[in-house]
Amino acid sequence: MDVGPLVQTIAIYALPVLFAITLHEAAHGYVARHFGDLTAYAQGRISLNPMRHIDPVGTILVPGLILVLSTLSGVGAFLFGWAKPVPVNFSALRKPRQHMAWVAAAGPGANLAMALGWAVLYHVAPWMPAFFEVPLGLMSLAGIRVNLVLMFLNLLPILPLDGGRIVASLLPGRAAWQYAKLEPWGLPVIVLLLVTGTLGTVLRPLVFVSESLLR
């Protein structure tokens, strides 16, 4: 079995996946601190050090398995992963309902910023020395895709995803309380959407169009 393509794929995606997932979480902590919640700050989670955010299963094992299986099978797969959630005490925010939306939006916002940053590197790559142009271009393209996937995924209006938090913050009090009661079902719903391919069907067009605009 030729493992060359597998090693190349892992080498290209490792850094983009690592930073896309961990900086997403760090952004939540930073914005929470800005609005008065020091929980993440006290636990050292407002950091650009990926080691503070890595979840062995969600950051390494799951994305790694998806990359391995998709590379070996030759079938494109929907990359999926997560980091250790940054602890946020919403009641400690100065204006809990309003500020919860900003804290939730910080993660996808960080992914958008990283996608734009990788897009800049993608356009800079052709100006680099020949030996550096191809790997930088491939890694930049991976960075764009990974961050767009995570951004759109987390904006889905499903608790506990960030989009669900944003919706909960915008709903009237009683409706928000009823909506919050659905959170225990959120993860099973996400897994079901993933394994049935529905998640890819919904998000792939959004990622494709956005990537086309950035390339």
N, C-alpha and C. Protein backbone atom coordinates (compact mmCIF):
# COMPACT_ATOMS: atom_id res chain seq x y z
N MET A 1 0.85 -1.20 0.00
CA MET A 1 0.00 0.00 0.00
C MET A 1 0.88 1.24 0.00
N ASP A 2 0.60 2.16 -0.88
CA ASP A 2 1.35 3.40 -0.98
C ASP A 2 0.81 4.39 0.04
N VAL A 3 1.65 4.68 1.06
CA VAL A 3 1.21 5.60 2.11
C VAL A 3 1.63 7.03 1.82
N GLY A 4 2.29 7.24 0.67
CA GLY A 4 2.75 8.58 0.32
C GLY A 4 1.64 9.62 0.34
N PRO A 5 0.52 9.37 -0.38
CA PRO A 5 -0.57 10.36 -0.37
C PRO A 5 -1.13 10.63 1.02
N LEU A 6 -1.18 9.58 1.85
CA LEU A 6 -1.70 9.74 3.21
C LEU A 6 -0.79 10.65 4.03
N VAL A 7 0.52 10.41 3.96
CA VAL A 7 1.48 11.24 4.70
C VAL A 7 1.41 12.68 4.21
N GLN A 8 1.29 12.85 2.90
CA GLN A 8 1.21 14.20 2.34
C GLN A 8 -0.05 14.92 2.82
N THR A 9 -1.17 14.22 2.83
CA THR A 9 -2.43 14.82 3.27
C THR A 9 -2.35 15.26 4.73
N ILE A 10 -1.82 14.39 5.58
CA ILE A 10 -1.70 14.72 7.00
C ILE A 10 -0.77 15.91 7.19
N ALA A 11 0.34 15.93 6.46
CA ALA A 11 1.30 17.03 6.57
C ALA A 11 0.67 18.36 6.15
N ILE A 12 -0.17 18.32 5.14
CA ILE A 12 -0.81 19.54 4.63
C ILE A 12 -1.88 20.05 5.58
N TYR A 13 -2.66 19.14 6.16
CA TYR A 13 -3.81 19.54 6.96
C TYR A 13 -3.51 19.70 8.44
N ALA A 14 -2.41 19.18 8.93
CA ALA A 14 -2.16 19.16 10.38
C ALA A 14 -2.23 20.55 11.01
N LEU A 15 -1.43 21.49 10.51
CA LEU A 15 -1.42 22.83 11.11
C LEU A 15 -2.75 23.58 10.90
N PRO A 16 -3.31 23.58 9.70
CA PRO A 16 -4.60 24.27 9.54
C PRO A 16 -5.69 23.74 10.47
N VAL A 17 -5.79 22.42 10.61
CA VAL A 17 -6.81 21.85 11.50
C VAL A 17 -6.53 22.23 12.95
N LEU A 18 -5.27 22.10 13.35
CA LEU A 18 -4.89 22.37 14.74
C LEU A 18 -5.23 23.80 15.13
N PHE A 19 -4.82 24.76 14.30
CA PHE A 19 -5.04 26.15 14.65
C PHE A 19 -6.49 26.58 14.44
N ALA A 20 -7.16 26.02 13.45
CA ALA A 20 -8.57 26.38 13.23
C ALA A 20 -9.42 26.01 14.43
N ILE A 21 -9.17 24.84 15.00
CA ILE A 21 -9.97 24.37 16.12
C ILE A 21 -9.58 25.08 17.42
N THR A 22 -8.29 25.21 17.69
CA THR A 22 -7.86 25.76 18.98
C THR A 22 -8.06 27.28 19.05
N LEU A 23 -7.78 28.00 17.98
CA LEU A 23 -7.97 29.45 18.03
C LEU A 23 -9.45 29.81 18.06
N HIS A 24 -10.27 28.96 17.52
CA HIS A 24 -11.73 29.13 17.64
C HIS A 24 -12.12 29.19 19.12
N GLU A 25 -11.59 28.26 19.90
CA GLU A 25 -11.92 28.22 21.33
C GLU A 25 -11.30 29.39 22.08
N ALA A 26 -10.05 29.73 21.75
CA ALA A 26 -9.39 30.85 22.43
C ALA A 26 -10.16 32.14 22.22
N ALA A 27 -10.75 32.31 21.04
CA ALA A 27 -11.52 33.52 20.76
C ALA A 27 -12.73 33.63 21.67
N HIS A 28 -13.39 32.52 21.96
CA HIS A 28 -14.51 32.55 22.90
C HIS A 28 -14.05 33.09 24.26
N GLY A 29 -12.92 32.59 24.75
CA GLY A 29 -12.42 33.01 26.04
C GLY A 29 -12.03 34.47 26.07
N TYR A 30 -11.42 34.94 24.99
CA TYR A 30 -10.99 36.33 24.93
C TYR A 30 -12.19 37.27 24.99
N VAL A 31 -13.22 36.99 24.21
CA VAL A 31 -14.40 37.86 24.18
C VAL A 31 -15.16 37.76 25.50
N ALA A 32 -15.20 36.57 26.09
CA ALA A 32 -15.86 36.42 27.39
C ALA A 32 -15.15 37.29 28.44
N ARG A 33 -13.82 37.30 28.42
CA ARG A 33 -13.08 38.16 29.36
C ARG A 33 -13.39 39.63 29.11
N HIS A 34 -13.48 39.99 27.84
CA HIS A 34 -13.77 41.38 27.49
C HIS A 34 -15.11 41.84 28.08
N PHE A 35 -16.06 40.91 28.16
CA PHE A 35 -17.39 41.27 28.66
C PHE A 35 -17.58 40.90 30.13
N GLY A 36 -16.50 40.56 30.82
CA GLY A 36 -16.59 40.43 32.26
C GLY A 36 -16.43 39.04 32.85
N ASP A 37 -16.42 37.99 32.04
CA ASP A 37 -16.28 36.63 32.57
C ASP A 37 -14.81 36.22 32.53
N LEU A 38 -14.21 36.02 33.69
CA LEU A 38 -12.79 35.70 33.78
C LEU A 38 -12.53 34.20 33.94
N THR A 39 -13.54 33.38 33.74
CA THR A 39 -13.40 31.93 33.94
C THR A 39 -12.30 31.34 33.07
N ALA A 40 -12.37 31.56 31.77
CA ALA A 40 -11.37 31.02 30.85
C ALA A 40 -10.00 31.60 31.13
N TYR A 41 -9.94 32.88 31.45
CA TYR A 41 -8.67 33.54 31.75
C TYR A 41 -8.02 32.91 32.98
N ALA A 42 -8.81 32.64 34.01
CA ALA A 42 -8.29 32.06 35.25
C ALA A 42 -7.75 30.65 35.02
N GLN A 43 -8.28 29.96 34.03
CA GLN A 43 -7.84 28.59 33.74
C GLN A 43 -6.76 28.54 32.65
N GLY A 44 -6.27 29.69 32.23
CA GLY A 44 -5.20 29.74 31.24
C GLY A 44 -5.64 29.34 29.84
N ARG A 45 -6.93 29.51 29.53
CA ARG A 45 -7.43 29.08 28.23
C ARG A 45 -7.43 30.19 27.19
N ILE A 46 -7.11 31.43 27.59
CA ILE A 46 -6.97 32.50 26.61
C ILE A 46 -5.51 32.51 26.18
N SER A 47 -5.18 31.64 25.26
CA SER A 47 -3.79 31.41 24.87
C SER A 47 -3.73 30.98 23.42
N LEU A 48 -2.65 31.37 22.74
CA LEU A 48 -2.42 30.93 21.36
C LEU A 48 -1.64 29.61 21.34
N ASN A 49 -1.38 29.05 22.51
CA ASN A 49 -0.69 27.77 22.60
C ASN A 49 -1.70 26.65 22.36
N PRO A 50 -1.59 25.95 21.24
CA PRO A 50 -2.58 24.89 20.92
C PRO A 50 -2.67 23.81 21.98
N MET A 51 -1.57 23.58 22.72
CA MET A 51 -1.57 22.52 23.71
C MET A 51 -2.60 22.76 24.82
N ARG A 52 -2.99 24.00 25.03
CA ARG A 52 -3.97 24.31 26.07
C ARG A 52 -5.40 23.98 25.63
N HIS A 53 -5.59 23.74 24.35
CA HIS A 53 -6.94 23.55 23.82
C HIS A 53 -7.16 22.17 23.19
N ILE A 54 -6.10 21.43 22.97
CA ILE A 54 -6.23 20.15 22.26
C ILE A 54 -7.07 19.14 23.04
N ASP A 55 -8.02 18.56 22.35
CA ASP A 55 -8.76 17.41 22.86
C ASP A 55 -8.22 16.19 22.10
N PRO A 56 -7.65 15.21 22.78
CA PRO A 56 -7.02 14.08 22.06
C PRO A 56 -7.94 13.41 21.05
N VAL A 57 -9.22 13.32 21.39
CA VAL A 57 -10.17 12.68 20.48
C VAL A 57 -10.61 13.64 19.39
N GLY A 58 -11.11 14.79 19.78
CA GLY A 58 -11.72 15.70 18.82
C GLY A 58 -10.75 16.46 17.95
N THR A 59 -9.55 16.77 18.48
CA THR A 59 -8.59 17.56 17.72
C THR A 59 -7.63 16.70 16.91
N ILE A 60 -7.38 15.47 17.38
CA ILE A 60 -6.37 14.62 16.73
C ILE A 60 -6.99 13.36 16.13
N LEU A 61 -7.66 12.54 16.97
CA LEU A 61 -8.12 11.23 16.53
C LEU A 61 -9.19 11.31 15.45
N VAL A 62 -10.27 12.07 15.71
CA VAL A 62 -11.38 12.12 14.76
C VAL A 62 -10.98 12.75 13.43
N PRO A 63 -10.38 13.97 13.41
CA PRO A 63 -9.95 14.51 12.11
C PRO A 63 -8.92 13.63 11.42
N GLY A 64 -8.02 13.02 12.23
CA GLY A 64 -7.01 12.14 11.64
C GLY A 64 -7.63 10.93 10.96
N LEU A 65 -8.60 10.30 11.62
CA LEU A 65 -9.26 9.14 11.02
C LEU A 65 -10.01 9.51 9.75
N ILE A 66 -10.67 10.67 9.78
CA ILE A 66 -11.40 11.11 8.59
C ILE A 66 -10.44 11.32 7.42
N LEU A 67 -9.30 11.96 7.69
CA LEU A 67 -8.31 12.19 6.63
C LEU A 67 -7.75 10.87 6.11
N VAL A 68 -7.45 9.93 7.04
CA VAL A 68 -6.88 8.64 6.63
C VAL A 68 -7.88 7.87 5.76
N LEU A 69 -9.12 7.76 6.24
CA LEU A 69 -10.12 6.99 5.51
C LEU A 69 -10.45 7.61 4.16
N SER A 70 -10.56 8.94 4.11
CA SER A 70 -10.89 9.60 2.85
C SER A 70 -9.74 9.49 1.86
N THR A 71 -8.50 9.54 2.36
CA THR A 71 -7.34 9.43 1.47
C THR A 71 -7.20 8.01 0.92
N LEU A 72 -7.35 7.01 1.79
CA LEU A 72 -7.19 5.63 1.36
C LEU A 72 -8.33 5.18 0.44
N SER A 73 -9.54 5.70 0.70
CA SER A 73 -10.68 5.29 -0.12
C SER A 73 -10.81 6.11 -1.39
N GLY A 74 -10.19 7.28 -1.40
CA GLY A 74 -10.31 8.16 -2.56
C GLY A 74 -11.64 8.88 -2.63
N VAL A 75 -12.42 8.77 -1.55
CA VAL A 75 -13.73 9.43 -1.50
C VAL A 75 -13.63 10.64 -0.59
N GLY A 76 -14.01 11.80 -1.08
CA GLY A 76 -13.96 13.02 -0.29
C GLY A 76 -14.86 12.92 0.93
N ALA A 77 -14.34 13.36 2.08
CA ALA A 77 -15.11 13.28 3.33
C ALA A 77 -15.24 14.67 3.93
N PHE A 78 -16.25 14.81 4.77
CA PHE A 78 -16.51 16.07 5.45
C PHE A 78 -15.68 16.11 6.72
N LEU A 79 -14.65 16.98 6.74
CA LEU A 79 -13.74 17.04 7.88
C LEU A 79 -14.47 17.59 9.11
N PHE A 80 -14.26 16.93 10.23
CA PHE A 80 -15.01 17.25 11.44
C PHE A 80 -14.09 17.12 12.64
N GLY A 81 -14.20 18.04 13.59
CA GLY A 81 -13.37 17.94 14.79
C GLY A 81 -13.76 19.00 15.81
N TRP A 82 -13.14 18.94 16.99
CA TRP A 82 -13.42 19.91 18.03
C TRP A 82 -12.25 19.97 19.00
N ALA A 83 -12.20 21.04 19.79
CA ALA A 83 -11.21 21.19 20.85
C ALA A 83 -11.91 21.13 22.20
N LYS A 84 -11.13 21.21 23.27
CA LYS A 84 -11.75 21.29 24.59
C LYS A 84 -12.54 22.58 24.68
N PRO A 85 -13.83 22.53 24.97
CA PRO A 85 -14.61 23.77 25.04
C PRO A 85 -14.06 24.72 26.09
N VAL A 86 -13.98 25.99 25.74
CA VAL A 86 -13.56 27.01 26.70
C VAL A 86 -14.71 27.24 27.69
N PRO A 87 -14.44 27.19 28.99
CA PRO A 87 -15.51 27.40 29.97
C PRO A 87 -15.97 28.86 29.97
N VAL A 88 -17.26 29.05 29.86
CA VAL A 88 -17.84 30.39 29.89
C VAL A 88 -18.98 30.40 30.90
N ASN A 89 -18.89 31.31 31.85
CA ASN A 89 -19.96 31.50 32.83
C ASN A 89 -20.81 32.67 32.34
N PHE A 90 -21.88 32.37 31.64
CA PHE A 90 -22.68 33.42 31.01
C PHE A 90 -23.28 34.38 32.05
N SER A 91 -23.55 33.88 33.24
CA SER A 91 -24.12 34.75 34.27
C SER A 91 -23.12 35.80 34.75
N ALA A 92 -21.82 35.56 34.49
CA ALA A 92 -20.79 36.52 34.90
C ALA A 92 -20.61 37.64 33.88
N LEU A 93 -21.20 37.50 32.71
CA LEU A 93 -21.11 38.55 31.70
C LEU A 93 -21.90 39.77 32.18
N ARG A 94 -21.44 40.95 31.79
CA ARG A 94 -22.09 42.17 32.27
C ARG A 94 -23.55 42.24 31.80
N LYS A 95 -23.81 41.84 30.57
CA LYS A 95 -25.17 41.76 30.04
C LYS A 95 -25.32 40.35 29.45
N PRO A 96 -25.68 39.38 30.27
CA PRO A 96 -25.62 37.96 29.86
C PRO A 96 -26.26 37.66 28.51
N ARG A 97 -27.48 38.11 28.28
CA ARG A 97 -28.17 37.74 27.04
C ARG A 97 -27.51 38.37 25.82
N GLN A 98 -27.22 39.67 25.90
CA GLN A 98 -26.62 40.33 24.75
C GLN A 98 -25.19 39.86 24.50
N HIS A 99 -24.43 39.75 25.59
CA HIS A 99 -23.02 39.42 25.44
C HIS A 99 -22.80 37.95 25.08
N MET A 100 -23.77 37.09 25.43
CA MET A 100 -23.66 35.68 25.06
C MET A 100 -23.55 35.53 23.54
N ALA A 101 -24.28 36.36 22.81
CA ALA A 101 -24.24 36.28 21.35
C ALA A 101 -22.85 36.63 20.83
N TRP A 102 -22.22 37.65 21.43
CA TRP A 102 -20.88 38.05 20.99
C TRP A 102 -19.85 36.98 21.33
N VAL A 103 -19.97 36.39 22.51
CA VAL A 103 -19.04 35.31 22.90
C VAL A 103 -19.18 34.12 21.94
N ALA A 104 -20.41 33.76 21.62
CA ALA A 104 -20.66 32.64 20.70
C ALA A 104 -20.14 32.95 19.30
N ALA A 105 -20.35 34.18 18.84
CA ALA A 105 -19.94 34.54 17.48
C ALA A 105 -18.43 34.66 17.34
N ALA A 106 -17.72 34.78 18.46
CA ALA A 106 -16.27 34.96 18.39
C ALA A 106 -15.56 33.79 17.74
N GLY A 107 -16.04 32.56 18.00
CA GLY A 107 -15.39 31.38 17.42
C GLY A 107 -15.48 31.35 15.91
N PRO A 108 -16.69 31.41 15.34
CA PRO A 108 -16.81 31.48 13.88
C PRO A 108 -16.11 32.70 13.30
N GLY A 109 -16.13 33.82 14.05
CA GLY A 109 -15.43 35.00 13.58
C GLY A 109 -13.93 34.76 13.46
N ALA A 110 -13.37 34.02 14.41
CA ALA A 110 -11.94 33.68 14.34
C ALA A 110 -11.67 32.79 13.14
N ASN A 111 -12.57 31.86 12.86
CA ASN A 111 -12.39 31.00 11.68
C ASN A 111 -12.45 31.81 10.39
N LEU A 112 -13.34 32.80 10.34
CA LEU A 112 -13.41 33.65 9.15
C LEU A 112 -12.11 34.43 8.98
N ALA A 113 -11.59 34.96 10.08
CA ALA A 113 -10.32 35.71 10.01
C ALA A 113 -9.19 34.81 9.54
N MET A 114 -9.16 33.57 10.04
CA MET A 114 -8.11 32.64 9.61
C MET A 114 -8.27 32.24 8.15
N ALA A 115 -9.51 32.06 7.70
CA ALA A 115 -9.74 31.74 6.29
C ALA A 115 -9.21 32.86 5.41
N LEU A 116 -9.45 34.11 5.80
CA LEU A 116 -8.95 35.25 5.04
C LEU A 116 -7.42 35.30 5.08
N GLY A 117 -6.85 34.98 6.24
CA GLY A 117 -5.39 34.95 6.34
C GLY A 117 -4.77 33.90 5.45
N TRP A 118 -5.35 32.70 5.45
CA TRP A 118 -4.85 31.64 4.57
C TRP A 118 -5.04 32.02 3.11
N ALA A 119 -6.10 32.75 2.80
CA ALA A 119 -6.33 33.19 1.42
C ALA A 119 -5.22 34.14 0.97
N VAL A 120 -4.78 35.01 1.87
CA VAL A 120 -3.66 35.90 1.55
C VAL A 120 -2.41 35.08 1.24
N LEU A 121 -2.13 34.08 2.08
CA LEU A 121 -0.95 33.23 1.84
C LEU A 121 -1.10 32.46 0.54
N TYR A 122 -2.32 32.04 0.21
CA TYR A 122 -2.55 31.31 -1.04
C TYR A 122 -2.17 32.16 -2.24
N HIS A 123 -2.50 33.46 -2.17
CA HIS A 123 -2.18 34.35 -3.29
C HIS A 123 -0.72 34.79 -3.27
N VAL A 124 -0.09 34.69 -2.10
CA VAL A 124 1.34 35.02 -2.00
C VAL A 124 2.21 33.87 -2.48
N ALA A 125 1.70 32.63 -2.35
CA ALA A 125 2.49 31.43 -2.66
C ALA A 125 3.17 31.47 -4.03
N PRO A 126 2.51 31.91 -5.11
CA PRO A 126 3.18 31.92 -6.42
C PRO A 126 4.41 32.81 -6.49
N TRP A 127 4.55 33.71 -5.53
CA TRP A 127 5.71 34.59 -5.51
C TRP A 127 6.87 34.01 -4.71
N MET A 128 6.64 32.88 -4.07
CA MET A 128 7.66 32.23 -3.26
C MET A 128 8.61 31.41 -4.13
N PRO A 129 9.80 31.04 -3.59
CA PRO A 129 10.70 30.14 -4.32
C PRO A 129 9.99 28.85 -4.70
N ALA A 130 10.40 28.25 -5.79
CA ALA A 130 9.70 27.09 -6.35
C ALA A 130 9.50 25.97 -5.34
N PHE A 131 10.52 25.70 -4.50
CA PHE A 131 10.43 24.57 -3.57
C PHE A 131 9.42 24.85 -2.45
N PHE A 132 9.05 26.12 -2.27
CA PHE A 132 8.14 26.51 -1.19
C PHE A 132 6.74 26.82 -1.70
N GLU A 133 6.63 27.08 -3.00
CA GLU A 133 5.36 27.51 -3.57
C GLU A 133 4.28 26.45 -3.44
N VAL A 134 4.57 25.23 -3.84
CA VAL A 134 3.55 24.17 -3.84
C VAL A 134 3.07 23.81 -2.43
N PRO A 135 3.99 23.52 -1.48
CA PRO A 135 3.49 23.18 -0.13
C PRO A 135 2.72 24.32 0.52
N LEU A 136 3.18 25.57 0.34
CA LEU A 136 2.46 26.70 0.92
C LEU A 136 1.08 26.85 0.28
N GLY A 137 1.01 26.67 -1.03
CA GLY A 137 -0.28 26.78 -1.71
C GLY A 137 -1.26 25.72 -1.25
N LEU A 138 -0.79 24.47 -1.12
CA LEU A 138 -1.65 23.38 -0.68
C LEU A 138 -2.11 23.57 0.76
N MET A 139 -1.18 23.98 1.63
CA MET A 139 -1.54 24.19 3.03
C MET A 139 -2.49 25.37 3.17
N SER A 140 -2.29 26.41 2.38
CA SER A 140 -3.18 27.57 2.43
C SER A 140 -4.58 27.20 1.98
N LEU A 141 -4.67 26.40 0.93
CA LEU A 141 -5.97 25.95 0.45
C LEU A 141 -6.67 25.10 1.50
N ALA A 142 -5.90 24.23 2.17
CA ALA A 142 -6.46 23.43 3.26
C ALA A 142 -6.95 24.33 4.39
N GLY A 143 -6.17 25.37 4.70
CA GLY A 143 -6.57 26.30 5.76
C GLY A 143 -7.86 27.02 5.44
N ILE A 144 -8.01 27.42 4.18
CA ILE A 144 -9.26 28.08 3.77
C ILE A 144 -10.44 27.13 3.96
N ARG A 145 -10.30 25.90 3.47
CA ARG A 145 -11.40 24.95 3.54
C ARG A 145 -11.77 24.58 4.96
N VAL A 146 -10.76 24.27 5.76
CA VAL A 146 -11.02 23.84 7.14
C VAL A 146 -11.72 24.93 7.92
N ASN A 147 -11.27 26.15 7.79
CA ASN A 147 -11.87 27.25 8.55
C ASN A 147 -13.27 27.58 8.07
N LEU A 148 -13.51 27.48 6.78
CA LEU A 148 -14.86 27.72 6.28
C LEU A 148 -15.81 26.63 6.77
N VAL A 149 -15.36 25.39 6.76
CA VAL A 149 -16.19 24.29 7.26
C VAL A 149 -16.56 24.52 8.72
N LEU A 150 -15.55 24.83 9.54
CA LEU A 150 -15.81 25.02 10.96
C LEU A 150 -16.69 26.25 11.21
N MET A 151 -16.50 27.29 10.43
CA MET A 151 -17.31 28.49 10.60
C MET A 151 -18.78 28.19 10.31
N PHE A 152 -19.06 27.61 9.14
CA PHE A 152 -20.45 27.34 8.78
C PHE A 152 -21.07 26.27 9.68
N LEU A 153 -20.28 25.26 10.04
CA LEU A 153 -20.77 24.22 10.93
C LEU A 153 -21.22 24.81 12.26
N ASN A 154 -20.37 25.66 12.85
CA ASN A 154 -20.69 26.21 14.16
C ASN A 154 -21.79 27.26 14.12
N LEU A 155 -22.10 27.78 12.94
CA LEU A 155 -23.18 28.75 12.83
C LEU A 155 -24.55 28.09 12.66
N LEU A 156 -24.59 26.76 12.55
CA LEU A 156 -25.88 26.08 12.48
C LEU A 156 -26.67 26.35 13.77
N PRO A 157 -27.95 26.62 13.66
CA PRO A 157 -28.76 26.98 14.84
C PRO A 157 -29.13 25.78 15.70
N ILE A 158 -28.11 25.03 16.12
CA ILE A 158 -28.32 23.83 16.93
C ILE A 158 -27.47 23.97 18.19
N LEU A 159 -28.08 23.91 19.34
CA LEU A 159 -27.31 23.88 20.59
C LEU A 159 -26.63 22.53 20.73
N PRO A 160 -25.38 22.46 21.19
CA PRO A 160 -24.59 23.52 21.81
C PRO A 160 -23.67 24.28 20.84
N LEU A 161 -23.93 24.23 19.54
CA LEU A 161 -23.10 24.97 18.60
C LEU A 161 -23.28 26.47 18.81
N ASP A 162 -22.32 27.23 18.30
CA ASP A 162 -22.35 28.69 18.49
C ASP A 162 -23.61 29.31 17.89
N GLY A 163 -24.05 28.80 16.76
CA GLY A 163 -25.26 29.32 16.15
C GLY A 163 -26.46 29.14 17.06
N GLY A 164 -26.50 28.03 17.78
CA GLY A 164 -27.57 27.81 18.74
C GLY A 164 -27.52 28.80 19.88
N ARG A 165 -26.30 29.12 20.35
CA ARG A 165 -26.14 30.11 21.42
C ARG A 165 -26.62 31.48 20.95
N ILE A 166 -26.30 31.81 19.71
CA ILE A 166 -26.71 33.11 19.17
C ILE A 166 -28.24 33.18 19.10
N VAL A 167 -28.86 32.11 18.60
CA VAL A 167 -30.32 32.08 18.52
C VAL A 167 -30.93 32.22 19.91
N ALA A 168 -30.38 31.49 20.89
CA ALA A 168 -30.91 31.54 22.25
C ALA A 168 -30.83 32.95 22.83
N SER A 169 -29.77 33.67 22.49
CA SER A 169 -29.60 35.03 23.02
C SER A 169 -30.57 36.02 22.38
N LEU A 170 -31.06 35.68 21.20
CA LEU A 170 -31.94 36.60 20.48
C LEU A 170 -33.42 36.34 20.75
N LEU A 171 -33.75 35.14 21.22
CA LEU A 171 -35.15 34.79 21.48
C LEU A 171 -35.66 35.48 22.75
N PRO A 172 -36.96 35.74 22.83
CA PRO A 172 -37.54 36.25 24.08
C PRO A 172 -37.31 35.25 25.21
N GLY A 173 -37.37 35.73 26.44
CA GLY A 173 -37.02 34.93 27.60
C GLY A 173 -37.60 33.53 27.65
N ARG A 174 -38.92 33.39 27.57
CA ARG A 174 -39.56 32.08 27.68
C ARG A 174 -39.20 31.18 26.50
N ALA A 175 -39.19 31.76 25.30
CA ALA A 175 -38.82 30.98 24.11
C ALA A 175 -37.37 30.52 24.20
N ALA A 176 -36.49 31.38 24.72
CA ALA A 176 -35.08 31.00 24.87
C ALA A 176 -34.94 29.85 25.85
N TRP A 177 -35.74 29.88 26.94
CA TRP A 177 -35.69 28.81 27.93
C TRP A 177 -36.15 27.49 27.32
N GLN A 178 -37.23 27.53 26.55
CA GLN A 178 -37.72 26.32 25.89
C GLN A 178 -36.70 25.80 24.88
N TYR A 179 -36.10 26.72 24.16
CA TYR A 179 -35.09 26.33 23.16
C TYR A 179 -33.88 25.69 23.83
N ALA A 180 -33.47 26.23 24.98
CA ALA A 180 -32.30 25.72 25.69
C ALA A 180 -32.52 24.28 26.16
N LYS A 181 -33.78 23.90 26.38
CA LYS A 181 -34.08 22.54 26.84
C LYS A 181 -33.76 21.50 25.77
N LEU A 182 -33.58 21.95 24.52
CA LEU A 182 -33.27 21.02 23.44
C LEU A 182 -31.78 20.67 23.36
N GLU A 183 -30.96 21.34 24.17
CA GLU A 183 -29.50 21.17 24.06
C GLU A 183 -29.04 19.71 24.21
N PRO A 184 -29.59 18.92 25.13
CA PRO A 184 -29.12 17.52 25.24
C PRO A 184 -29.27 16.72 23.95
N TRP A 185 -30.18 17.15 23.06
CA TRP A 185 -30.39 16.44 21.80
C TRP A 185 -29.49 16.96 20.69
N GLY A 186 -28.77 18.04 20.96
CA GLY A 186 -27.97 18.68 19.90
C GLY A 186 -26.90 17.79 19.32
N LEU A 187 -26.08 17.19 20.18
CA LEU A 187 -24.98 16.37 19.68
C LEU A 187 -25.47 15.15 18.91
N PRO A 188 -26.49 14.39 19.42
CA PRO A 188 -27.01 13.29 18.61
C PRO A 188 -27.53 13.73 17.25
N VAL A 189 -28.17 14.90 17.20
CA VAL A 189 -28.67 15.42 15.92
C VAL A 189 -27.51 15.71 14.97
N ILE A 190 -26.45 16.32 15.49
CA ILE A 190 -25.28 16.64 14.66
C ILE A 190 -24.64 15.37 14.12
N VAL A 191 -24.48 14.36 15.00
CA VAL A 191 -23.90 13.08 14.57
C VAL A 191 -24.77 12.43 13.50
N LEU A 192 -26.08 12.47 13.70
CA LEU A 192 -27.00 11.89 12.72
C LEU A 192 -26.88 12.60 11.38
N LEU A 193 -26.82 13.92 11.40
CA LEU A 193 -26.66 14.68 10.16
C LEU A 193 -25.34 14.34 9.48
N LEU A 194 -24.31 14.10 10.29
CA LEU A 194 -22.98 13.78 9.74
C LEU A 194 -22.98 12.41 9.06
N VAL A 195 -23.47 11.38 9.76
CA VAL A 195 -23.38 10.02 9.24
C VAL A 195 -24.33 9.80 8.07
N THR A 196 -25.42 10.56 8.00
CA THR A 196 -26.35 10.41 6.88
C THR A 196 -25.94 11.23 5.66
N GLY A 197 -24.92 12.06 5.83
CA GLY A 197 -24.46 12.89 4.72
C GLY A 197 -25.23 14.19 4.57
N THR A 198 -26.24 14.39 5.41
CA THR A 198 -27.04 15.61 5.33
C THR A 198 -26.21 16.84 5.66
N LEU A 199 -25.31 16.69 6.61
CA LEU A 199 -24.46 17.82 7.01
C LEU A 199 -23.62 18.30 5.83
N GLY A 200 -23.03 17.36 5.12
CA GLY A 200 -22.24 17.72 3.96
C GLY A 200 -23.08 18.35 2.86
N THR A 201 -24.30 17.83 2.68
CA THR A 201 -25.20 18.36 1.66
C THR A 201 -25.55 19.82 1.94
N VAL A 202 -25.75 20.13 3.21
CA VAL A 202 -26.12 21.49 3.59
C VAL A 202 -24.93 22.44 3.51
N LEU A 203 -23.78 22.01 4.02
CA LEU A 203 -22.64 22.92 4.16
C LEU A 203 -21.75 23.00 2.93
N ARG A 204 -21.70 21.94 2.14
CA ARG A 204 -20.77 21.92 1.01
C ARG A 204 -20.98 23.07 0.03
N PRO A 205 -22.23 23.40 -0.36
CA PRO A 205 -22.40 24.55 -1.27
C PRO A 205 -21.91 25.87 -0.67
N LEU A 206 -22.15 26.07 0.63
CA LEU A 206 -21.69 27.29 1.29
C LEU A 206 -20.17 27.38 1.27
N VAL A 207 -19.52 26.25 1.57
CA VAL A 207 -18.06 26.23 1.57
C VAL A 207 -17.52 26.42 0.17
N PHE A 208 -18.14 25.77 -0.82
CA PHE A 208 -17.66 25.85 -2.20
C PHE A 208 -17.73 27.29 -2.72
N VAL A 209 -18.87 27.95 -2.51
CA VAL A 209 -19.02 29.33 -3.00
C VAL A 209 -18.06 30.26 -2.29
N SER A 210 -17.93 30.12 -0.98
CA SER A 210 -17.03 31.00 -0.21
C SER A 210 -15.59 30.78 -0.61
N GLU A 211 -15.21 29.51 -0.80
CA GLU A 211 -13.84 29.21 -1.20
C GLU A 211 -13.55 29.79 -2.58
N SER A 212 -14.54 29.71 -3.48
CA SER A 212 -14.36 30.26 -4.83
C SER A 212 -14.10 31.77 -4.78
N LEU A 213 -14.72 32.45 -3.83
CA LEU A 213 -14.53 33.90 -3.70
C LEU A 213 -13.15 34.24 -3.15
N LEU A 214 -12.59 33.35 -2.34
CA LEU A 214 -11.31 33.62 -1.71
C LEU A 214 -10.11 33.19 -2.56
N ARG A 215 -10.32 32.29 -3.51
CA ARG A 215 -9.20 31.77 -4.31
C ARG A 215 -8.89 32.70 -5.49
